[in-house]
Full PDB file with SEQRES, HELIX, SHEET, SSBOND, CRYST1, ORIGX, SCALE, CONECT and MASTER records, all heavy atoms in Angstrom:
SEQRES   1 A   33  GLY GLU ASP PRO ARG THR PHE ILE THR ARG LEU LYS GLY          
SEQRES   2 A   33  ARG VAL ALA LEU VAL HIS LEU LYS ASP ILE ARG SER GLY          
SEQRES   3 A   33  THR ALA PHE GLU PHE GLN ASP                                  
HELIX    1 AA1 PRO A    4  ARG A   10  1                                   7    
CRYST1    1.000    1.000    1.000  90.00  90.00  90.00 P 1           1          
ORIGX1      1.000000  0.000000  0.000000        0.00000                         
ORIGX2      0.000000  1.000000  0.000000        0.00000                         
ORIGX3      0.000000  0.000000  1.000000        0.00000                         
SCALE1      1.000000  0.000000  0.000000        0.00000                         
SCALE2      0.000000  1.000000  0.000000        0.00000                         
SCALE3      0.000000  0.000000  1.000000        0.00000                         
ATOM      1  N   GLY A   1      -1.515  -5.026  -0.314  1.00  0.00           N  
ATOM      2  CA  GLY A   1      -1.532  -4.178   0.827  1.00  0.00           C  
ATOM      3  C   GLY A   1      -2.228  -4.678   2.093  1.00  0.00           C  
ATOM      4  O   GLY A   1      -2.326  -4.009   3.072  1.00  0.00           O  
ATOM      5  N   GLU A   2      -2.600  -6.016   2.078  1.00  0.00           N  
ATOM      6  CA  GLU A   2      -3.289  -6.555   3.226  1.00  0.00           C  
ATOM      7  C   GLU A   2      -2.392  -7.616   3.921  1.00  0.00           C  
ATOM      8  O   GLU A   2      -1.369  -8.105   3.334  1.00  0.00           O  
ATOM      9  CB  GLU A   2      -4.568  -7.319   2.738  1.00  0.00           C  
ATOM     10  CG  GLU A   2      -5.722  -6.419   2.353  1.00  0.00           C  
ATOM     11  CD  GLU A   2      -6.488  -5.825   3.479  1.00  0.00           C  
ATOM     12  OE1 GLU A   2      -6.269  -6.297   4.627  1.00  0.00           O  
ATOM     13  OE2 GLU A   2      -7.338  -4.945   3.250  1.00  0.00           O  
ATOM     14  N   ASP A   3      -2.700  -7.916   5.174  1.00  0.00           N  
ATOM     15  CA  ASP A   3      -2.020  -8.866   5.963  1.00  0.00           C  
ATOM     16  C   ASP A   3      -2.670 -10.315   5.621  1.00  0.00           C  
ATOM     17  O   ASP A   3      -3.887 -10.435   5.905  1.00  0.00           O  
ATOM     18  CB  ASP A   3      -2.100  -8.654   7.400  1.00  0.00           C  
ATOM     19  CG  ASP A   3      -1.381  -9.823   8.221  1.00  0.00           C  
ATOM     20  OD1 ASP A   3      -0.168 -10.057   8.093  1.00  0.00           O  
ATOM     21  OD2 ASP A   3      -2.169 -10.467   8.998  1.00  0.00           O  
ATOM     22  N   PRO A   4      -1.989 -11.294   5.025  1.00  0.00           N  
ATOM     23  CA  PRO A   4      -2.664 -12.545   4.685  1.00  0.00           C  
ATOM     24  C   PRO A   4      -3.279 -13.212   5.860  1.00  0.00           C  
ATOM     25  O   PRO A   4      -4.517 -13.660   5.759  1.00  0.00           O  
ATOM     26  CB  PRO A   4      -1.505 -13.292   4.100  1.00  0.00           C  
ATOM     27  CG  PRO A   4      -0.578 -12.365   3.578  1.00  0.00           C  
ATOM     28  CD  PRO A   4      -0.560 -11.198   4.570  1.00  0.00           C  
ATOM     29  N   ARG A   5      -2.626 -13.289   7.053  1.00  0.00           N  
ATOM     30  CA  ARG A   5      -3.275 -13.898   8.103  1.00  0.00           C  
ATOM     31  C   ARG A   5      -4.576 -13.260   8.583  1.00  0.00           C  
ATOM     32  O   ARG A   5      -5.598 -13.924   8.736  1.00  0.00           O  
ATOM     33  CB  ARG A   5      -2.281 -13.884   9.347  1.00  0.00           C  
ATOM     34  CG  ARG A   5      -2.815 -14.616  10.657  1.00  0.00           C  
ATOM     35  CD  ARG A   5      -1.807 -14.588  11.689  1.00  0.00           C  
ATOM     36  NE  ARG A   5      -2.223 -15.320  12.835  1.00  0.00           N  
ATOM     37  CZ  ARG A   5      -1.508 -15.809  13.763  1.00  0.00           C  
ATOM     38  NH1 ARG A   5      -0.240 -15.753  13.589  1.00  0.00           N  
ATOM     39  NH2 ARG A   5      -2.069 -16.427  14.831  1.00  0.00           N  
ATOM     40  N   THR A   6      -4.616 -12.044   8.653  1.00  0.00           N  
ATOM     41  CA  THR A   6      -5.765 -11.272   9.028  1.00  0.00           C  
ATOM     42  C   THR A   6      -6.951 -11.457   7.943  1.00  0.00           C  
ATOM     43  O   THR A   6      -8.088 -11.690   8.340  1.00  0.00           O  
ATOM     44  CB  THR A   6      -5.506  -9.766   9.294  1.00  0.00           C  
ATOM     45  OG1 THR A   6      -4.508  -9.585  10.193  1.00  0.00           O  
ATOM     46  CG2 THR A   6      -6.726  -9.084   9.658  1.00  0.00           C  
ATOM     47  N   PHE A   7      -6.513 -11.450   6.718  1.00  0.00           N  
ATOM     48  CA  PHE A   7      -7.540 -11.533   5.646  1.00  0.00           C  
ATOM     49  C   PHE A   7      -8.120 -12.976   5.647  1.00  0.00           C  
ATOM     50  O   PHE A   7      -9.373 -13.105   5.435  1.00  0.00           O  
ATOM     51  CB  PHE A   7      -6.905 -11.203   4.354  1.00  0.00           C  
ATOM     52  CG  PHE A   7      -7.924 -10.696   3.299  1.00  0.00           C  
ATOM     53  CD1 PHE A   7      -8.435  -9.504   3.351  1.00  0.00           C  
ATOM     54  CD2 PHE A   7      -8.345 -11.555   2.244  1.00  0.00           C  
ATOM     55  CE1 PHE A   7      -9.400  -9.072   2.405  1.00  0.00           C  
ATOM     56  CE2 PHE A   7      -9.226 -11.187   1.340  1.00  0.00           C  
ATOM     57  CZ  PHE A   7      -9.788  -9.932   1.391  1.00  0.00           C  
ATOM     58  N   ILE A   8      -7.242 -13.923   5.768  1.00  0.00           N  
ATOM     59  CA  ILE A   8      -7.742 -15.260   5.708  1.00  0.00           C  
ATOM     60  C   ILE A   8      -8.748 -15.522   6.938  1.00  0.00           C  
ATOM     61  O   ILE A   8      -9.794 -16.186   6.810  1.00  0.00           O  
ATOM     62  CB  ILE A   8      -6.662 -16.293   5.728  1.00  0.00           C  
ATOM     63  CG1 ILE A   8      -5.863 -16.266   4.437  1.00  0.00           C  
ATOM     64  CG2 ILE A   8      -7.083 -17.791   5.970  1.00  0.00           C  
ATOM     65  CD1 ILE A   8      -4.566 -17.022   4.399  1.00  0.00           C  
ATOM     66  N   THR A   9      -8.284 -15.081   8.068  1.00  0.00           N  
ATOM     67  CA  THR A   9      -9.155 -15.217   9.326  1.00  0.00           C  
ATOM     68  C   THR A   9     -10.498 -14.533   9.139  1.00  0.00           C  
ATOM     69  O   THR A   9     -11.595 -14.987   9.548  1.00  0.00           O  
ATOM     70  CB  THR A   9      -8.384 -14.649  10.509  1.00  0.00           C  
ATOM     71  OG1 THR A   9      -7.152 -15.315  10.595  1.00  0.00           O  
ATOM     72  CG2 THR A   9      -9.223 -14.944  11.778  1.00  0.00           C  
ATOM     73  N   ARG A  10     -10.529 -13.307   8.499  1.00  0.00           N  
ATOM     74  CA  ARG A  10     -11.626 -12.462   8.258  1.00  0.00           C  
ATOM     75  C   ARG A  10     -12.669 -13.323   7.533  1.00  0.00           C  
ATOM     76  O   ARG A  10     -13.989 -13.297   7.762  1.00  0.00           O  
ATOM     77  CB  ARG A  10     -11.432 -11.269   7.505  1.00  0.00           C  
ATOM     78  CG  ARG A  10     -12.593 -10.431   7.191  1.00  0.00           C  
ATOM     79  CD  ARG A  10     -12.121  -9.235   6.307  1.00  0.00           C  
ATOM     80  NE  ARG A  10     -13.286  -8.559   5.811  1.00  0.00           N  
ATOM     81  CZ  ARG A  10     -13.287  -7.595   4.905  1.00  0.00           C  
ATOM     82  NH1 ARG A  10     -12.145  -7.174   4.325  1.00  0.00           N  
ATOM     83  NH2 ARG A  10     -14.491  -6.985   4.560  1.00  0.00           N  
ATOM     84  N   LEU A  11     -12.215 -14.125   6.483  1.00  0.00           N  
ATOM     85  CA  LEU A  11     -13.182 -14.865   5.669  1.00  0.00           C  
ATOM     86  C   LEU A  11     -13.308 -16.357   6.025  1.00  0.00           C  
ATOM     87  O   LEU A  11     -13.611 -17.189   5.231  1.00  0.00           O  
ATOM     88  CB  LEU A  11     -12.598 -14.839   4.134  1.00  0.00           C  
ATOM     89  CG  LEU A  11     -12.665 -13.471   3.458  1.00  0.00           C  
ATOM     90  CD1 LEU A  11     -12.097 -13.504   2.105  1.00  0.00           C  
ATOM     91  CD2 LEU A  11     -14.086 -12.876   3.478  1.00  0.00           C  
ATOM     92  N   LYS A  12     -13.133 -16.607   7.334  1.00  0.00           N  
ATOM     93  CA  LYS A  12     -13.358 -17.920   7.820  1.00  0.00           C  
ATOM     94  C   LYS A  12     -14.662 -18.519   7.471  1.00  0.00           C  
ATOM     95  O   LYS A  12     -15.716 -17.862   7.532  1.00  0.00           O  
ATOM     96  CB  LYS A  12     -13.211 -17.925   9.388  1.00  0.00           C  
ATOM     97  CG  LYS A  12     -13.315 -19.273   9.984  1.00  0.00           C  
ATOM     98  CD  LYS A  12     -13.136 -19.210  11.529  1.00  0.00           C  
ATOM     99  CE  LYS A  12     -13.207 -20.582  12.117  1.00  0.00           C  
ATOM    100  NZ  LYS A  12     -12.955 -20.458  13.626  1.00  0.00           N  
ATOM    101  N   GLY A  13     -14.620 -19.664   6.840  1.00  0.00           N  
ATOM    102  CA  GLY A  13     -15.827 -20.350   6.355  1.00  0.00           C  
ATOM    103  C   GLY A  13     -16.203 -20.154   4.987  1.00  0.00           C  
ATOM    104  O   GLY A  13     -17.036 -20.775   4.344  1.00  0.00           O  
ATOM    105  N   ARG A  14     -15.470 -19.132   4.311  1.00  0.00           N  
ATOM    106  CA  ARG A  14     -15.744 -18.802   2.969  1.00  0.00           C  
ATOM    107  C   ARG A  14     -14.594 -19.117   1.975  1.00  0.00           C  
ATOM    108  O   ARG A  14     -14.632 -18.774   0.824  1.00  0.00           O  
ATOM    109  CB  ARG A  14     -16.158 -17.328   2.819  1.00  0.00           C  
ATOM    110  CG  ARG A  14     -17.389 -16.989   3.705  1.00  0.00           C  
ATOM    111  CD  ARG A  14     -17.774 -15.543   3.425  1.00  0.00           C  
ATOM    112  NE  ARG A  14     -18.125 -15.272   2.130  1.00  0.00           N  
ATOM    113  CZ  ARG A  14     -18.526 -14.068   1.679  1.00  0.00           C  
ATOM    114  NH1 ARG A  14     -18.608 -13.097   2.448  1.00  0.00           N  
ATOM    115  NH2 ARG A  14     -18.938 -13.933   0.365  1.00  0.00           N  
ATOM    116  N   VAL A  15     -13.536 -19.665   2.554  1.00  0.00           N  
ATOM    117  CA  VAL A  15     -12.322 -19.980   1.772  1.00  0.00           C  
ATOM    118  C   VAL A  15     -12.226 -21.492   1.548  1.00  0.00           C  
ATOM    119  O   VAL A  15     -12.148 -22.261   2.466  1.00  0.00           O  
ATOM    120  CB  VAL A  15     -11.122 -19.450   2.534  1.00  0.00           C  
ATOM    121  CG1 VAL A  15      -9.851 -19.780   1.695  1.00  0.00           C  
ATOM    122  CG2 VAL A  15     -11.189 -17.981   2.800  1.00  0.00           C  
ATOM    123  N   ALA A  16     -12.243 -21.851   0.189  1.00  0.00           N  
ATOM    124  CA  ALA A  16     -12.102 -23.305  -0.159  1.00  0.00           C  
ATOM    125  C   ALA A  16     -10.746 -23.740  -0.379  1.00  0.00           C  
ATOM    126  O   ALA A  16     -10.410 -24.888  -0.107  1.00  0.00           O  
ATOM    127  CB  ALA A  16     -13.048 -23.622  -1.313  1.00  0.00           C  
ATOM    128  N   LEU A  17      -9.907 -22.814  -0.897  1.00  0.00           N  
ATOM    129  CA  LEU A  17      -8.559 -23.116  -1.286  1.00  0.00           C  
ATOM    130  C   LEU A  17      -7.630 -21.987  -0.911  1.00  0.00           C  
ATOM    131  O   LEU A  17      -8.032 -20.803  -1.014  1.00  0.00           O  
ATOM    132  CB  LEU A  17      -8.476 -23.369  -2.734  1.00  0.00           C  
ATOM    133  CG  LEU A  17      -9.151 -24.680  -3.345  1.00  0.00           C  
ATOM    134  CD1 LEU A  17      -9.337 -24.565  -4.804  1.00  0.00           C  
ATOM    135  CD2 LEU A  17      -8.485 -25.930  -2.929  1.00  0.00           C  
ATOM    136  N   VAL A  18      -6.416 -22.266  -0.695  1.00  0.00           N  
ATOM    137  CA  VAL A  18      -5.347 -21.233  -0.375  1.00  0.00           C  
ATOM    138  C   VAL A  18      -4.112 -21.466  -1.215  1.00  0.00           C  
ATOM    139  O   VAL A  18      -3.601 -22.639  -1.123  1.00  0.00           O  
ATOM    140  CB  VAL A  18      -5.005 -21.106   1.130  1.00  0.00           C  
ATOM    141  CG1 VAL A  18      -3.900 -20.192   1.282  1.00  0.00           C  
ATOM    142  CG2 VAL A  18      -6.183 -20.686   1.965  1.00  0.00           C  
ATOM    143  N   HIS A  19      -3.669 -20.584  -1.939  1.00  0.00           N  
ATOM    144  CA  HIS A  19      -2.397 -20.618  -2.569  1.00  0.00           C  
ATOM    145  C   HIS A  19      -1.350 -19.956  -1.549  1.00  0.00           C  
ATOM    146  O   HIS A  19      -1.323 -18.780  -1.348  1.00  0.00           O  
ATOM    147  CB  HIS A  19      -2.362 -19.756  -3.860  1.00  0.00           C  
ATOM    148  CG  HIS A  19      -2.924 -20.571  -4.982  1.00  0.00           C  
ATOM    149  ND1 HIS A  19      -2.867 -20.095  -6.320  1.00  0.00           N  
ATOM    150  CD2 HIS A  19      -3.501 -21.742  -5.059  1.00  0.00           C  
ATOM    151  CE1 HIS A  19      -3.461 -21.017  -7.112  1.00  0.00           C  
ATOM    152  NE2 HIS A  19      -3.772 -21.990  -6.418  1.00  0.00           N  
ATOM    153  N   LEU A  20      -0.570 -20.827  -0.926  1.00  0.00           N  
ATOM    154  CA  LEU A  20       0.297 -20.320   0.128  1.00  0.00           C  
ATOM    155  C   LEU A  20       1.712 -20.103  -0.504  1.00  0.00           C  
ATOM    156  O   LEU A  20       2.485 -20.946  -0.775  1.00  0.00           O  
ATOM    157  CB  LEU A  20       0.467 -21.379   1.219  1.00  0.00           C  
ATOM    158  CG  LEU A  20       1.299 -21.091   2.420  1.00  0.00           C  
ATOM    159  CD1 LEU A  20       0.730 -19.850   3.190  1.00  0.00           C  
ATOM    160  CD2 LEU A  20       1.386 -22.254   3.335  1.00  0.00           C  
ATOM    161  N   LYS A  21       1.957 -18.865  -0.794  1.00  0.00           N  
ATOM    162  CA  LYS A  21       3.206 -18.488  -1.503  1.00  0.00           C  
ATOM    163  C   LYS A  21       3.908 -17.379  -0.658  1.00  0.00           C  
ATOM    164  O   LYS A  21       3.347 -16.480  -0.070  1.00  0.00           O  
ATOM    165  CB  LYS A  21       2.886 -17.913  -2.931  1.00  0.00           C  
ATOM    166  CG  LYS A  21       2.182 -18.933  -3.790  1.00  0.00           C  
ATOM    167  CD  LYS A  21       2.008 -18.410  -5.233  1.00  0.00           C  
ATOM    168  CE  LYS A  21       1.109 -17.355  -5.356  1.00  0.00           C  
ATOM    169  NZ  LYS A  21       0.763 -17.019  -6.762  1.00  0.00           N  
ATOM    170  N   ASP A  22       5.263 -17.399  -0.746  1.00  0.00           N  
ATOM    171  CA  ASP A  22       6.074 -16.441  -0.136  1.00  0.00           C  
ATOM    172  C   ASP A  22       6.246 -15.170  -0.907  1.00  0.00           C  
ATOM    173  O   ASP A  22       6.030 -15.223  -2.092  1.00  0.00           O  
ATOM    174  CB  ASP A  22       7.384 -17.097   0.230  1.00  0.00           C  
ATOM    175  CG  ASP A  22       8.093 -16.440   1.465  1.00  0.00           C  
ATOM    176  OD1 ASP A  22       7.545 -15.440   1.999  1.00  0.00           O  
ATOM    177  OD2 ASP A  22       9.125 -16.933   1.800  1.00  0.00           O  
ATOM    178  N   ILE A  23       6.751 -14.198  -0.229  1.00  0.00           N  
ATOM    179  CA  ILE A  23       7.000 -12.884  -0.948  1.00  0.00           C  
ATOM    180  C   ILE A  23       8.261 -12.322  -0.344  1.00  0.00           C  
ATOM    181  O   ILE A  23       8.460 -12.345   0.907  1.00  0.00           O  
ATOM    182  CB  ILE A  23       5.841 -11.912  -0.868  1.00  0.00           C  
ATOM    183  CG1 ILE A  23       6.135 -10.638  -1.709  1.00  0.00           C  
ATOM    184  CG2 ILE A  23       5.410 -11.618   0.497  1.00  0.00           C  
ATOM    185  CD1 ILE A  23       4.924  -9.768  -1.881  1.00  0.00           C  
ATOM    186  N   ARG A  24       9.130 -11.678  -1.064  1.00  0.00           N  
ATOM    187  CA  ARG A  24      10.401 -11.060  -0.521  1.00  0.00           C  
ATOM    188  C   ARG A  24      10.027  -9.888   0.286  1.00  0.00           C  
ATOM    189  O   ARG A  24       9.167  -9.065  -0.091  1.00  0.00           O  
ATOM    190  CB  ARG A  24      11.285 -10.644  -1.654  1.00  0.00           C  
ATOM    191  CG  ARG A  24      12.673 -10.079  -1.232  1.00  0.00           C  
ATOM    192  CD  ARG A  24      13.499  -9.896  -2.379  1.00  0.00           C  
ATOM    193  NE  ARG A  24      13.859 -11.167  -3.102  1.00  0.00           N  
ATOM    194  CZ  ARG A  24      14.489 -11.309  -4.295  1.00  0.00           C  
ATOM    195  NH1 ARG A  24      14.804 -10.181  -4.839  1.00  0.00           N  
ATOM    196  NH2 ARG A  24      14.709 -12.429  -4.706  1.00  0.00           N  
ATOM    197  N   SER A  25      10.626  -9.835   1.465  1.00  0.00           N  
ATOM    198  CA  SER A  25      10.361  -8.727   2.456  1.00  0.00           C  
ATOM    199  C   SER A  25      10.654  -7.422   1.740  1.00  0.00           C  
ATOM    200  O   SER A  25      11.745  -7.223   1.063  1.00  0.00           O  
ATOM    201  CB  SER A  25      11.226  -8.899   3.659  1.00  0.00           C  
ATOM    202  OG  SER A  25      11.038  -7.785   4.523  1.00  0.00           O  
ATOM    203  N   GLY A  26       9.836  -6.430   1.858  1.00  0.00           N  
ATOM    204  CA  GLY A  26      10.013  -5.098   1.341  1.00  0.00           C  
ATOM    205  C   GLY A  26       9.484  -4.889  -0.057  1.00  0.00           C  
ATOM    206  O   GLY A  26       9.612  -3.855  -0.610  1.00  0.00           O  
ATOM    207  N   THR A  27       8.858  -5.962  -0.673  1.00  0.00           N  
ATOM    208  CA  THR A  27       8.293  -5.813  -1.993  1.00  0.00           C  
ATOM    209  C   THR A  27       7.152  -4.815  -1.923  1.00  0.00           C  
ATOM    210  O   THR A  27       6.336  -4.741  -1.111  1.00  0.00           O  
ATOM    211  CB  THR A  27       7.726  -7.178  -2.497  1.00  0.00           C  
ATOM    212  OG1 THR A  27       8.892  -8.114  -2.537  1.00  0.00           O  
ATOM    213  CG2 THR A  27       7.128  -7.067  -3.837  1.00  0.00           C  
ATOM    214  N   ALA A  28       7.160  -3.873  -2.923  1.00  0.00           N  
ATOM    215  CA  ALA A  28       6.260  -2.765  -2.907  1.00  0.00           C  
ATOM    216  C   ALA A  28       4.826  -3.275  -3.278  1.00  0.00           C  
ATOM    217  O   ALA A  28       4.672  -4.312  -3.929  1.00  0.00           O  
ATOM    218  CB  ALA A  28       6.642  -1.734  -3.947  1.00  0.00           C  
ATOM    219  N   PHE A  29       3.851  -2.547  -2.810  1.00  0.00           N  
ATOM    220  CA  PHE A  29       2.384  -2.835  -3.213  1.00  0.00           C  
ATOM    221  C   PHE A  29       2.302  -2.596  -4.681  1.00  0.00           C  
ATOM    222  O   PHE A  29       2.723  -1.544  -5.242  1.00  0.00           O  
ATOM    223  CB  PHE A  29       1.359  -1.954  -2.526  1.00  0.00           C  
ATOM    224  CG  PHE A  29       1.489  -2.083  -0.935  1.00  0.00           C  
ATOM    225  CD1 PHE A  29       1.093  -1.196  -0.114  1.00  0.00           C  
ATOM    226  CD2 PHE A  29       1.978  -3.371  -0.350  1.00  0.00           C  
ATOM    227  CE1 PHE A  29       1.133  -1.304   1.333  1.00  0.00           C  
ATOM    228  CE2 PHE A  29       2.028  -3.423   1.019  1.00  0.00           C  
ATOM    229  CZ  PHE A  29       1.617  -2.495   1.848  1.00  0.00           C  
ATOM    230  N   GLU A  30       1.512  -3.521  -5.407  1.00  0.00           N  
ATOM    231  CA  GLU A  30       1.246  -3.393  -6.796  1.00  0.00           C  
ATOM    232  C   GLU A  30      -0.081  -3.851  -7.072  1.00  0.00           C  
ATOM    233  O   GLU A  30      -0.494  -4.979  -6.610  1.00  0.00           O  
ATOM    234  CB  GLU A  30       2.263  -4.135  -7.656  1.00  0.00           C  
ATOM    235  CG  GLU A  30       3.663  -3.632  -7.423  1.00  0.00           C  
ATOM    236  CD  GLU A  30       4.682  -4.531  -8.049  1.00  0.00           C  
ATOM    237  OE1 GLU A  30       4.285  -5.457  -8.826  1.00  0.00           O  
ATOM    238  OE2 GLU A  30       5.914  -4.410  -7.993  1.00  0.00           O  
ATOM    239  N   PHE A  31      -0.857  -3.189  -7.812  1.00  0.00           N  
ATOM    240  CA  PHE A  31      -2.217  -3.571  -8.204  1.00  0.00           C  
ATOM    241  C   PHE A  31      -2.192  -4.233  -9.577  1.00  0.00           C  
ATOM    242  O   PHE A  31      -2.304  -3.545 -10.591  1.00  0.00           O  
ATOM    243  CB  PHE A  31      -3.188  -2.455  -8.160  1.00  0.00           C  
ATOM    244  CG  PHE A  31      -3.294  -1.911  -6.739  1.00  0.00           C  
ATOM    245  CD1 PHE A  31      -2.865  -0.552  -6.450  1.00  0.00           C  
ATOM    246  CD2 PHE A  31      -3.772  -2.608  -5.659  1.00  0.00           C  
ATOM    247  CE1 PHE A  31      -2.940  -0.039  -5.225  1.00  0.00           C  
ATOM    248  CE2 PHE A  31      -3.880  -2.061  -4.434  1.00  0.00           C  
ATOM    249  CZ  PHE A  31      -3.415  -0.770  -4.126  1.00  0.00           C  
ATOM    250  N   GLN A  32      -1.952  -5.527  -9.638  1.00  0.00           N  
ATOM    251  CA  GLN A  32      -1.710  -6.278 -10.850  1.00  0.00           C  
ATOM    252  C   GLN A  32      -2.835  -7.306 -10.988  1.00  0.00           C  
ATOM    253  O   GLN A  32      -3.476  -7.684 -10.031  1.00  0.00           O  
ATOM    254  CB  GLN A  32      -0.373  -6.908 -10.894  1.00  0.00           C  
ATOM    255  CG  GLN A  32       0.812  -5.950 -10.761  1.00  0.00           C  
ATOM    256  CD  GLN A  32       1.086  -5.272 -12.110  1.00  0.00           C  
ATOM    257  OE1 GLN A  32       0.585  -5.722 -13.124  1.00  0.00           O  
ATOM    258  NE2 GLN A  32       1.959  -4.252 -12.050  1.00  0.00           N  
ATOM    259  N   ASP A  33      -2.985  -7.734 -12.242  1.00  0.00           N  
ATOM    260  CA  ASP A  33      -4.044  -8.750 -12.496  1.00  0.00           C  
ATOM    261  C   ASP A  33      -3.442 -10.145 -12.904  1.00  0.00           C  
ATOM    262  O   ASP A  33      -4.012 -10.928 -13.488  1.00  0.00           O  
ATOM    263  CB  ASP A  33      -4.966  -8.323 -13.598  1.00  0.00           C  
ATOM    264  CG  ASP A  33      -4.239  -7.968 -14.888  1.00  0.00           C  
ATOM    265  OD1 ASP A  33      -3.003  -8.002 -14.928  1.00  0.00           O  
ATOM    266  OD2 ASP A  33      -4.965  -7.415 -15.767  1.00  0.00           O  
TER     267      ASP A  33                                                      
MASTER        0    0    0    1    0    0    0    6  266    1    0    3          
END                                                                             
């Protein structure tokens, strides 16, 4: 449910690695592990 760009920018300086993966437009929010 978050915007990746905003979230990554928010944690500037605290992110060591990023998994840059695409997602199909319209995919519903899901709280999965």
